[in-house]
N, C-alpha and C. Protein backbone atom coordinates (compact mmCIF):
# COMPACT_ATOMS: atom_id res chain seq x y z
N MET A 1 40.76 -19.04 25.19
CA MET A 1 39.68 -19.45 24.32
C MET A 1 38.35 -18.85 24.79
N ILE A 2 38.09 -18.92 26.08
CA ILE A 2 36.84 -18.37 26.62
C ILE A 2 36.81 -16.86 26.43
N ARG A 3 37.97 -16.24 26.58
CA ARG A 3 38.05 -14.79 26.40
C ARG A 3 37.71 -14.41 24.95
N ARG A 4 38.21 -15.17 24.00
CA ARG A 4 37.92 -14.91 22.59
C ARG A 4 36.43 -15.06 22.30
N LEU A 5 35.83 -16.09 22.87
CA LEU A 5 34.39 -16.29 22.69
C LEU A 5 33.60 -15.14 23.31
N PHE A 6 34.03 -14.67 24.47
CA PHE A 6 33.38 -13.55 25.12
C PHE A 6 33.48 -12.30 24.24
N VAL A 7 34.67 -12.05 23.69
CA VAL A 7 34.86 -10.88 22.83
C VAL A 7 33.98 -11.01 21.58
N LEU A 8 33.95 -12.19 20.98
CA LEU A 8 33.12 -12.42 19.81
C LEU A 8 31.64 -12.21 20.16
N PHE A 9 31.20 -12.77 21.28
CA PHE A 9 29.81 -12.59 21.71
C PHE A 9 29.50 -11.11 21.91
N PHE A 10 30.38 -10.39 22.57
CA PHE A 10 30.18 -8.97 22.82
C PHE A 10 30.09 -8.21 21.50
N PHE A 11 31.01 -8.52 20.58
CA PHE A 11 31.05 -7.87 19.28
C PHE A 11 29.73 -8.10 18.53
N LEU A 12 29.26 -9.35 18.47
CA LEU A 12 28.02 -9.65 17.77
C LEU A 12 26.81 -9.02 18.47
N HIS A 13 26.80 -9.04 19.78
CA HIS A 13 25.71 -8.43 20.53
C HIS A 13 25.69 -6.92 20.29
N PHE A 14 26.85 -6.30 20.33
CA PHE A 14 26.96 -4.87 20.10
C PHE A 14 26.50 -4.53 18.69
N LEU A 15 26.94 -5.33 17.73
CA LEU A 15 26.61 -5.11 16.34
C LEU A 15 25.11 -5.24 16.10
N ASN A 16 24.45 -6.16 16.79
CA ASN A 16 23.02 -6.39 16.63
C ASN A 16 22.20 -5.19 17.08
N GLY A 17 22.66 -4.45 18.08
CA GLY A 17 21.89 -3.33 18.62
C GLY A 17 22.23 -2.00 18.01
N CYS A 18 23.17 -1.95 17.08
CA CYS A 18 23.62 -0.70 16.48
C CYS A 18 22.72 -0.25 15.34
N SER A 19 22.82 1.04 15.03
CA SER A 19 22.17 1.53 13.83
C SER A 19 22.95 1.01 12.63
N ILE A 20 22.36 1.09 11.46
CA ILE A 20 23.03 0.61 10.25
C ILE A 20 24.34 1.37 10.04
N GLN A 21 24.33 2.67 10.28
CA GLN A 21 25.53 3.47 10.09
C GLN A 21 26.63 3.04 11.05
N ALA A 22 26.28 2.79 12.31
CA ALA A 22 27.28 2.36 13.29
C ALA A 22 27.83 0.99 12.93
N LYS A 23 26.95 0.09 12.48
CA LYS A 23 27.41 -1.24 12.07
C LYS A 23 28.40 -1.14 10.92
N ASP A 24 28.04 -0.31 9.91
CA ASP A 24 28.92 -0.16 8.76
C ASP A 24 30.29 0.38 9.18
N LYS A 25 30.29 1.40 10.02
CA LYS A 25 31.56 1.99 10.47
C LYS A 25 32.39 0.96 11.25
N LEU A 26 31.73 0.22 12.13
CA LEU A 26 32.42 -0.77 12.93
C LEU A 26 33.00 -1.88 12.04
N LEU A 27 32.20 -2.36 11.10
CA LEU A 27 32.67 -3.40 10.20
C LEU A 27 33.83 -2.92 9.33
N ARG A 28 33.75 -1.67 8.82
CA ARG A 28 34.84 -1.14 8.00
C ARG A 28 36.12 -0.97 8.81
N THR A 29 35.98 -0.75 10.12
CA THR A 29 37.15 -0.62 10.98
C THR A 29 37.91 -1.93 11.09
N PHE A 30 37.18 -3.04 11.17
CA PHE A 30 37.82 -4.34 11.41
C PHE A 30 38.02 -5.18 10.16
N PHE A 31 37.26 -4.91 9.11
CA PHE A 31 37.32 -5.77 7.92
C PHE A 31 37.53 -4.93 6.67
N ASP A 32 38.41 -5.40 5.79
CA ASP A 32 38.63 -4.76 4.51
C ASP A 32 37.51 -5.13 3.55
N GLY A 33 37.18 -4.23 2.63
CA GLY A 33 36.24 -4.55 1.57
C GLY A 33 34.79 -4.31 1.89
N VAL A 34 34.47 -3.80 3.10
CA VAL A 34 33.07 -3.50 3.42
C VAL A 34 32.74 -2.17 2.75
N PRO A 35 31.74 -2.15 1.83
CA PRO A 35 31.44 -0.92 1.11
C PRO A 35 30.85 0.14 2.04
N ALA A 36 31.05 1.39 1.66
CA ALA A 36 30.48 2.50 2.41
C ALA A 36 28.96 2.42 2.30
N PRO A 37 28.22 3.02 3.26
CA PRO A 37 26.76 2.97 3.21
C PRO A 37 26.23 3.48 1.88
N GLY A 38 25.27 2.75 1.32
CA GLY A 38 24.66 3.13 0.06
C GLY A 38 25.48 2.77 -1.16
N LYS A 39 26.66 2.23 -0.97
CA LYS A 39 27.50 1.83 -2.10
C LYS A 39 27.61 0.32 -2.09
N ALA A 40 27.25 -0.29 -3.19
CA ALA A 40 27.38 -1.73 -3.29
C ALA A 40 28.50 -2.06 -4.24
N SER A 41 29.19 -3.11 -3.97
CA SER A 41 30.23 -3.57 -4.88
C SER A 41 29.55 -4.16 -6.10
N PRO A 42 30.15 -3.99 -7.29
CA PRO A 42 29.55 -4.66 -8.43
C PRO A 42 29.64 -6.16 -8.25
N ILE A 43 28.62 -6.88 -8.65
CA ILE A 43 28.62 -8.34 -8.49
C ILE A 43 29.45 -8.96 -9.59
N VAL A 44 30.34 -9.78 -9.20
CA VAL A 44 31.18 -10.49 -10.14
C VAL A 44 31.07 -11.95 -9.83
N LYS A 45 30.71 -12.73 -10.82
CA LYS A 45 30.62 -14.16 -10.61
C LYS A 45 31.89 -14.77 -11.15
N GLY A 46 32.57 -15.53 -10.35
CA GLY A 46 33.79 -16.14 -10.82
C GLY A 46 34.44 -16.95 -9.72
N GLU A 47 35.64 -17.40 -9.99
CA GLU A 47 36.34 -18.21 -9.01
C GLU A 47 37.50 -17.42 -8.44
N HIS A 48 37.80 -17.67 -7.20
CA HIS A 48 39.00 -17.14 -6.59
C HIS A 48 39.55 -18.19 -5.64
N LYS A 49 40.82 -18.11 -5.38
CA LYS A 49 41.43 -19.09 -4.48
C LYS A 49 41.54 -18.49 -3.09
N GLN A 50 41.13 -19.27 -2.11
CA GLN A 50 41.29 -18.83 -0.74
C GLN A 50 42.77 -18.89 -0.40
N GLU A 51 43.26 -17.84 0.24
CA GLU A 51 44.67 -17.75 0.58
C GLU A 51 45.15 -18.95 1.37
N ASN A 52 46.29 -19.46 0.99
CA ASN A 52 47.00 -20.54 1.69
C ASN A 52 46.26 -21.87 1.72
N GLN A 53 45.10 -21.96 1.09
CA GLN A 53 44.37 -23.22 1.14
C GLN A 53 44.19 -23.83 -0.24
N GLY A 54 44.30 -23.01 -1.29
CA GLY A 54 44.15 -23.52 -2.63
C GLY A 54 42.77 -24.05 -2.94
N VAL A 55 41.75 -23.67 -2.17
CA VAL A 55 40.39 -24.16 -2.38
C VAL A 55 39.67 -23.18 -3.28
N LYS A 56 39.05 -23.70 -4.33
CA LYS A 56 38.29 -22.83 -5.23
C LYS A 56 36.88 -22.68 -4.70
N THR A 57 36.42 -21.44 -4.66
CA THR A 57 35.04 -21.17 -4.25
C THR A 57 34.44 -20.19 -5.23
N GLU A 58 33.13 -20.14 -5.29
CA GLU A 58 32.48 -19.17 -6.16
C GLU A 58 32.17 -17.92 -5.36
N LYS A 59 32.61 -16.80 -5.87
CA LYS A 59 32.38 -15.52 -5.21
C LYS A 59 31.28 -14.81 -5.99
N VAL A 60 30.21 -14.46 -5.32
CA VAL A 60 29.11 -13.77 -5.96
C VAL A 60 28.99 -12.39 -5.34
N VAL A 61 29.08 -11.38 -6.19
CA VAL A 61 28.99 -10.00 -5.76
C VAL A 61 27.85 -9.37 -6.55
N PRO A 62 27.04 -8.47 -5.96
CA PRO A 62 25.89 -7.90 -6.68
C PRO A 62 26.28 -7.30 -8.03
N GLN A 63 25.44 -7.50 -9.07
CA GLN A 63 25.71 -7.00 -10.41
C GLN A 63 25.37 -5.52 -10.54
N ALA A 64 24.45 -5.04 -9.79
CA ALA A 64 24.02 -3.66 -9.89
C ALA A 64 23.93 -3.09 -8.48
N PRO A 65 24.01 -1.77 -8.38
CA PRO A 65 23.84 -1.20 -7.04
C PRO A 65 22.49 -1.62 -6.45
N ILE A 66 22.48 -1.86 -5.17
CA ILE A 66 21.26 -2.27 -4.49
C ILE A 66 20.30 -1.09 -4.45
N GLN A 67 19.12 -1.27 -5.04
CA GLN A 67 18.12 -0.21 -5.05
C GLN A 67 16.81 -0.67 -4.42
N PHE A 68 16.57 -1.97 -4.43
CA PHE A 68 15.32 -2.50 -3.94
C PHE A 68 15.62 -3.46 -2.79
N ILE A 69 15.03 -3.17 -1.65
CA ILE A 69 15.32 -3.95 -0.45
C ILE A 69 14.01 -4.45 0.15
N HIS A 70 13.95 -5.73 0.45
CA HIS A 70 12.78 -6.32 1.10
C HIS A 70 12.64 -5.68 2.48
N GLN A 71 11.48 -5.20 2.81
CA GLN A 71 11.25 -4.42 4.03
C GLN A 71 11.75 -5.10 5.31
N PRO A 72 11.43 -6.38 5.56
CA PRO A 72 11.93 -6.99 6.80
C PRO A 72 13.47 -7.01 6.86
N PHE A 73 14.11 -7.21 5.73
CA PHE A 73 15.58 -7.21 5.67
C PHE A 73 16.10 -5.81 5.97
N LEU A 74 15.48 -4.81 5.38
CA LEU A 74 15.88 -3.42 5.61
C LEU A 74 15.78 -3.04 7.08
N GLU A 75 14.73 -3.52 7.73
CA GLU A 75 14.48 -3.17 9.13
C GLU A 75 15.11 -4.15 10.11
N ASN A 76 16.00 -5.02 9.61
CA ASN A 76 16.71 -5.99 10.45
C ASN A 76 15.74 -6.89 11.22
N GLN A 77 14.64 -7.23 10.58
CA GLN A 77 13.63 -8.12 11.18
C GLN A 77 13.79 -9.52 10.59
N CYS A 78 14.99 -10.06 10.70
CA CYS A 78 15.32 -11.37 10.13
C CYS A 78 14.40 -12.46 10.65
N ASP A 79 14.00 -12.34 11.92
CA ASP A 79 13.18 -13.38 12.53
C ASP A 79 11.74 -13.40 12.03
N VAL A 80 11.37 -12.50 11.12
CA VAL A 80 10.07 -12.59 10.47
C VAL A 80 10.07 -13.81 9.55
N CYS A 81 11.21 -14.08 8.93
CA CYS A 81 11.32 -15.22 8.00
C CYS A 81 12.18 -16.35 8.56
N HIS A 82 13.17 -15.99 9.36
CA HIS A 82 14.11 -16.98 9.90
C HIS A 82 13.75 -17.32 11.35
N ASP A 83 14.15 -18.53 11.74
CA ASP A 83 13.88 -19.04 13.08
C ASP A 83 14.35 -18.06 14.16
N THR A 84 15.55 -17.53 13.99
CA THR A 84 16.08 -16.48 14.87
C THR A 84 16.84 -15.50 13.98
N LYS A 85 17.24 -14.37 14.53
CA LYS A 85 17.97 -13.38 13.75
C LYS A 85 19.28 -13.92 13.19
N SER A 86 19.86 -14.88 13.84
CA SER A 86 21.15 -15.40 13.39
C SER A 86 21.04 -16.78 12.74
N SER A 87 19.84 -17.24 12.47
CA SER A 87 19.62 -18.57 11.92
C SER A 87 19.37 -18.51 10.42
N GLN A 88 19.74 -19.56 9.72
CA GLN A 88 19.42 -19.69 8.31
C GLN A 88 18.11 -20.48 8.12
N LYS A 89 17.63 -21.11 9.18
CA LYS A 89 16.41 -21.92 9.12
C LYS A 89 15.20 -20.99 8.97
N LEU A 90 14.34 -21.33 8.01
CA LEU A 90 13.15 -20.53 7.76
C LEU A 90 11.99 -21.00 8.62
N VAL A 91 11.11 -20.05 8.99
CA VAL A 91 9.96 -20.40 9.83
C VAL A 91 8.90 -21.16 9.05
N LEU A 92 8.81 -20.94 7.76
CA LEU A 92 7.90 -21.67 6.86
C LEU A 92 8.65 -21.97 5.58
N LYS A 93 8.11 -22.84 4.76
CA LYS A 93 8.76 -23.22 3.51
C LYS A 93 8.04 -22.64 2.30
N GLY A 94 8.81 -22.31 1.27
CA GLY A 94 8.27 -21.90 -0.02
C GLY A 94 7.28 -20.76 0.03
N LYS A 95 6.21 -20.92 -0.79
CA LYS A 95 5.25 -19.83 -0.91
C LYS A 95 4.47 -19.58 0.38
N GLU A 96 4.40 -20.58 1.28
CA GLU A 96 3.71 -20.36 2.56
C GLU A 96 4.41 -19.24 3.33
N LEU A 97 5.72 -19.19 3.23
CA LEU A 97 6.48 -18.12 3.90
C LEU A 97 6.14 -16.78 3.26
N CYS A 98 6.19 -16.71 1.94
CA CYS A 98 5.92 -15.45 1.24
C CYS A 98 4.48 -14.99 1.47
N PHE A 99 3.54 -15.95 1.40
CA PHE A 99 2.13 -15.60 1.56
C PHE A 99 1.74 -15.35 3.01
N SER A 100 2.65 -15.53 3.94
CA SER A 100 2.34 -15.15 5.32
C SER A 100 2.31 -13.63 5.46
N CYS A 101 2.94 -12.91 4.52
CA CYS A 101 2.90 -11.44 4.51
C CYS A 101 2.22 -10.91 3.24
N HIS A 102 2.57 -11.50 2.11
CA HIS A 102 2.02 -11.05 0.82
C HIS A 102 0.70 -11.76 0.54
N ASP A 103 -0.20 -11.06 -0.16
CA ASP A 103 -1.48 -11.67 -0.55
C ASP A 103 -1.23 -12.87 -1.45
N ASP A 104 -2.02 -13.92 -1.29
CA ASP A 104 -1.94 -15.09 -2.17
C ASP A 104 -2.69 -14.74 -3.45
N PHE A 105 -1.94 -14.27 -4.44
CA PHE A 105 -2.52 -13.83 -5.70
C PHE A 105 -2.81 -15.00 -6.64
N THR A 106 -2.61 -16.22 -6.18
CA THR A 106 -2.87 -17.40 -7.02
C THR A 106 -4.19 -18.09 -6.69
N LYS A 107 -4.74 -17.83 -5.54
CA LYS A 107 -5.88 -18.62 -5.04
C LYS A 107 -7.12 -18.55 -5.93
N ASP A 108 -7.36 -17.45 -6.62
CA ASP A 108 -8.55 -17.32 -7.45
C ASP A 108 -8.23 -17.44 -8.94
N LYS A 109 -7.07 -17.96 -9.28
CA LYS A 109 -6.64 -18.04 -10.68
C LYS A 109 -6.65 -19.49 -11.16
N LYS A 110 -6.93 -19.68 -12.45
CA LYS A 110 -6.98 -21.02 -13.04
C LYS A 110 -5.57 -21.57 -13.27
N ILE A 111 -4.64 -20.70 -13.64
CA ILE A 111 -3.31 -21.14 -14.03
C ILE A 111 -2.27 -20.39 -13.19
N ALA A 112 -1.36 -21.15 -12.64
CA ALA A 112 -0.24 -20.55 -11.90
C ALA A 112 1.05 -20.90 -12.63
N HIS A 113 1.95 -19.93 -12.69
CA HIS A 113 3.26 -20.16 -13.29
C HIS A 113 3.95 -21.27 -12.50
N TYR A 114 4.61 -22.17 -13.18
CA TYR A 114 5.17 -23.35 -12.53
C TYR A 114 6.00 -23.03 -11.28
N PRO A 115 6.96 -22.10 -11.33
CA PRO A 115 7.74 -21.85 -10.10
C PRO A 115 6.86 -21.38 -8.94
N VAL A 116 5.82 -20.63 -9.25
CA VAL A 116 4.90 -20.15 -8.21
C VAL A 116 4.13 -21.31 -7.61
N SER A 117 3.61 -22.18 -8.47
CA SER A 117 2.83 -23.31 -7.96
C SER A 117 3.70 -24.25 -7.12
N GLU A 118 4.99 -24.30 -7.41
CA GLU A 118 5.92 -25.14 -6.65
C GLU A 118 6.49 -24.43 -5.41
N GLY A 119 6.12 -23.16 -5.23
CA GLY A 119 6.62 -22.41 -4.08
C GLY A 119 8.07 -22.01 -4.22
N ALA A 120 8.53 -21.88 -5.45
CA ALA A 120 9.93 -21.55 -5.71
C ALA A 120 10.11 -20.05 -5.98
N CYS A 121 9.59 -19.24 -5.10
CA CYS A 121 9.64 -17.78 -5.26
C CYS A 121 11.07 -17.29 -5.43
N ILE A 122 12.00 -17.90 -4.70
CA ILE A 122 13.38 -17.43 -4.75
C ILE A 122 14.12 -17.88 -6.01
N ASP A 123 13.45 -18.62 -6.89
CA ASP A 123 14.06 -18.88 -8.20
C ASP A 123 14.18 -17.56 -8.97
N CYS A 124 13.22 -16.68 -8.77
CA CYS A 124 13.21 -15.39 -9.48
C CYS A 124 13.51 -14.20 -8.56
N HIS A 125 13.05 -14.26 -7.33
CA HIS A 125 13.19 -13.13 -6.41
C HIS A 125 14.31 -13.38 -5.39
N ASP A 126 15.04 -12.32 -5.10
CA ASP A 126 16.03 -12.38 -4.02
C ASP A 126 15.26 -12.01 -2.75
N PRO A 127 15.30 -12.80 -1.71
CA PRO A 127 14.50 -12.51 -0.53
C PRO A 127 15.04 -11.34 0.31
N HIS A 128 16.19 -10.81 -0.07
CA HIS A 128 16.78 -9.73 0.73
C HIS A 128 16.85 -8.41 -0.04
N GLN A 129 17.66 -8.37 -1.09
CA GLN A 129 17.85 -7.11 -1.81
C GLN A 129 18.30 -7.38 -3.24
N SER A 130 18.10 -6.37 -4.10
CA SER A 130 18.46 -6.53 -5.50
C SER A 130 18.62 -5.17 -6.15
N GLY A 131 19.30 -5.16 -7.26
CA GLY A 131 19.39 -3.96 -8.08
C GLY A 131 18.26 -3.90 -9.09
N ASN A 132 17.39 -4.92 -9.08
CA ASN A 132 16.29 -5.01 -10.04
C ASN A 132 14.94 -4.80 -9.35
N LYS A 133 14.03 -4.17 -10.10
CA LYS A 133 12.68 -3.93 -9.61
C LYS A 133 12.03 -5.25 -9.18
N PHE A 134 11.20 -5.21 -8.18
CA PHE A 134 10.50 -6.38 -7.60
C PHE A 134 11.50 -7.35 -6.98
N ILE A 135 12.63 -6.85 -6.58
CA ILE A 135 13.77 -7.63 -6.05
C ILE A 135 14.01 -8.92 -6.85
N LEU A 136 13.93 -8.76 -8.18
CA LEU A 136 14.23 -9.87 -9.08
C LEU A 136 15.73 -10.14 -9.07
N LYS A 137 16.10 -11.39 -9.27
CA LYS A 137 17.52 -11.75 -9.31
C LYS A 137 18.20 -11.23 -10.56
N GLU A 138 17.44 -11.10 -11.64
CA GLU A 138 17.95 -10.54 -12.89
C GLU A 138 16.88 -9.66 -13.48
N ALA A 139 17.28 -8.76 -14.37
CA ALA A 139 16.34 -7.84 -15.00
C ALA A 139 15.48 -8.57 -16.03
N LEU A 140 14.31 -7.98 -16.31
CA LEU A 140 13.45 -8.48 -17.38
C LEU A 140 14.06 -8.08 -18.71
N PRO A 141 13.99 -8.84 -19.76
CA PRO A 141 13.41 -10.16 -19.89
C PRO A 141 14.41 -11.28 -19.61
N LYS A 142 15.65 -10.91 -19.28
CA LYS A 142 16.70 -11.91 -19.11
C LYS A 142 16.30 -13.01 -18.13
N ILE A 143 15.65 -12.64 -17.04
CA ILE A 143 15.27 -13.64 -16.04
C ILE A 143 14.30 -14.67 -16.62
N CYS A 144 13.44 -14.24 -17.54
CA CYS A 144 12.48 -15.16 -18.15
C CYS A 144 13.20 -16.18 -19.04
N PHE A 145 14.28 -15.73 -19.67
CA PHE A 145 15.01 -16.59 -20.58
C PHE A 145 15.91 -17.59 -19.86
N ASN A 146 15.92 -17.56 -18.55
CA ASN A 146 16.61 -18.61 -17.80
C ASN A 146 15.86 -19.94 -17.94
N CYS A 147 14.55 -19.86 -18.17
CA CYS A 147 13.74 -21.07 -18.32
C CYS A 147 13.11 -21.17 -19.71
N HIS A 148 12.68 -20.04 -20.27
CA HIS A 148 11.98 -20.02 -21.54
C HIS A 148 12.98 -19.78 -22.67
N ASP A 149 12.82 -20.48 -23.78
CA ASP A 149 13.73 -20.40 -24.91
C ASP A 149 13.60 -19.05 -25.62
N GLU A 150 14.65 -18.24 -25.55
CA GLU A 150 14.62 -16.89 -26.11
C GLU A 150 14.41 -16.91 -27.62
N LYS A 151 15.11 -17.77 -28.33
CA LYS A 151 14.99 -17.81 -29.80
C LYS A 151 13.56 -18.15 -30.22
N GLU A 152 12.99 -19.13 -29.54
CA GLU A 152 11.62 -19.55 -29.86
C GLU A 152 10.63 -18.42 -29.59
N ILE A 153 10.80 -17.74 -28.49
CA ILE A 153 9.87 -16.66 -28.12
C ILE A 153 10.03 -15.48 -29.07
N ARG A 154 11.25 -15.09 -29.36
CA ARG A 154 11.49 -13.95 -30.26
C ARG A 154 11.08 -14.26 -31.70
N ALA A 155 11.03 -15.55 -32.07
CA ALA A 155 10.61 -15.94 -33.41
C ALA A 155 9.10 -15.77 -33.61
N ASN A 156 8.35 -15.74 -32.52
CA ASN A 156 6.89 -15.56 -32.60
C ASN A 156 6.60 -14.11 -32.98
N VAL A 157 5.84 -13.92 -34.06
CA VAL A 157 5.57 -12.59 -34.59
C VAL A 157 4.89 -11.66 -33.58
N VAL A 158 4.10 -12.20 -32.65
CA VAL A 158 3.43 -11.34 -31.66
C VAL A 158 4.41 -10.70 -30.68
N HIS A 159 5.62 -11.25 -30.60
CA HIS A 159 6.61 -10.70 -29.68
C HIS A 159 7.54 -9.69 -30.36
N GLU A 160 7.33 -9.46 -31.65
CA GLU A 160 8.19 -8.53 -32.39
C GLU A 160 8.14 -7.13 -31.76
N GLY A 161 9.28 -6.61 -31.44
CA GLY A 161 9.38 -5.28 -30.83
C GLY A 161 9.06 -5.25 -29.35
N GLN A 162 8.70 -6.37 -28.78
CA GLN A 162 8.38 -6.44 -27.35
C GLN A 162 9.63 -6.84 -26.57
N ASN A 163 9.80 -6.26 -25.41
CA ASN A 163 10.99 -6.60 -24.62
C ASN A 163 10.70 -6.84 -23.15
N ILE A 164 9.53 -6.48 -22.70
CA ILE A 164 9.17 -6.67 -21.30
C ILE A 164 8.01 -7.66 -21.23
N CYS A 165 8.32 -8.88 -20.81
CA CYS A 165 7.35 -9.98 -20.81
C CYS A 165 6.09 -9.64 -20.02
N ASN A 166 6.26 -8.99 -18.86
CA ASN A 166 5.10 -8.77 -18.01
C ASN A 166 4.22 -7.62 -18.47
N ASP A 167 4.51 -7.03 -19.64
CA ASP A 167 3.55 -6.08 -20.22
C ASP A 167 2.29 -6.84 -20.65
N CYS A 168 2.47 -8.08 -21.10
CA CYS A 168 1.34 -8.89 -21.58
C CYS A 168 1.05 -10.11 -20.68
N HIS A 169 2.10 -10.61 -20.03
CA HIS A 169 1.97 -11.82 -19.22
C HIS A 169 2.06 -11.51 -17.74
N ASN A 170 1.27 -12.21 -16.94
CA ASN A 170 1.40 -12.11 -15.50
C ASN A 170 2.41 -13.19 -15.08
N PRO A 171 3.49 -12.82 -14.44
CA PRO A 171 4.52 -13.81 -14.12
C PRO A 171 4.15 -14.76 -12.98
N HIS A 172 2.99 -14.54 -12.36
CA HIS A 172 2.61 -15.38 -11.22
C HIS A 172 1.42 -16.29 -11.53
N ALA A 173 0.29 -15.70 -11.89
CA ALA A 173 -0.92 -16.49 -12.12
C ALA A 173 -1.90 -15.70 -12.99
N SER A 174 -2.78 -16.45 -13.66
CA SER A 174 -3.75 -15.82 -14.55
C SER A 174 -4.93 -16.76 -14.76
N ASN A 175 -6.01 -16.21 -15.29
CA ASN A 175 -7.14 -17.03 -15.71
C ASN A 175 -7.04 -17.34 -17.20
N GLU A 176 -6.06 -16.76 -17.87
CA GLU A 176 -5.89 -16.93 -19.31
C GLU A 176 -4.71 -17.84 -19.63
N GLU A 177 -4.78 -18.55 -20.75
CA GLU A 177 -3.69 -19.40 -21.20
C GLU A 177 -2.43 -18.55 -21.40
N LYS A 178 -1.29 -19.18 -21.23
CA LYS A 178 0.02 -18.56 -21.37
C LYS A 178 0.19 -17.38 -20.41
N LEU A 179 -0.58 -17.40 -19.34
CA LEU A 179 -0.54 -16.38 -18.29
C LEU A 179 -0.75 -14.96 -18.83
N LEU A 180 -1.57 -14.85 -19.87
CA LEU A 180 -1.86 -13.51 -20.42
C LEU A 180 -2.68 -12.72 -19.41
N LYS A 181 -2.46 -11.42 -19.46
CA LYS A 181 -3.20 -10.51 -18.55
C LYS A 181 -4.60 -10.29 -19.06
């Protein structure tokens, strides 16, 4: 048992100090299904059964190739946001974490979009990587329709022929009603 723990510790320690290419090669050697560098598996949302256990779990795989990567994640600087490189615990909560690096674009605005005011940045943004610009979890305008009624918005004559919400609206904060730019 101690020997296995030592091997696991050595493996993780070795993996932590490797270049991304070395990590990928090492992982592909020991584990099936690790994509080659620069290749992402298509994201598929669905259920699969774990072998021999019959337990249903949700498997989430990226929907689009990864093109946009949050800089600290890219540079393996997990401890910028997390308590340690191997921890899931965050050093700060909500928008305080995001605004520790990014400018607080809400401080001088009259109106903040509800998720922003609640510090729910990750409702829309993936904190690590995405196939969508601005590391959004989904492409525009689909992500907006997760909360806003698409039929109601498309029925408004001012939206006729429009498809990108942030052409007219600021998705974070504004001094104008309805977050107009």
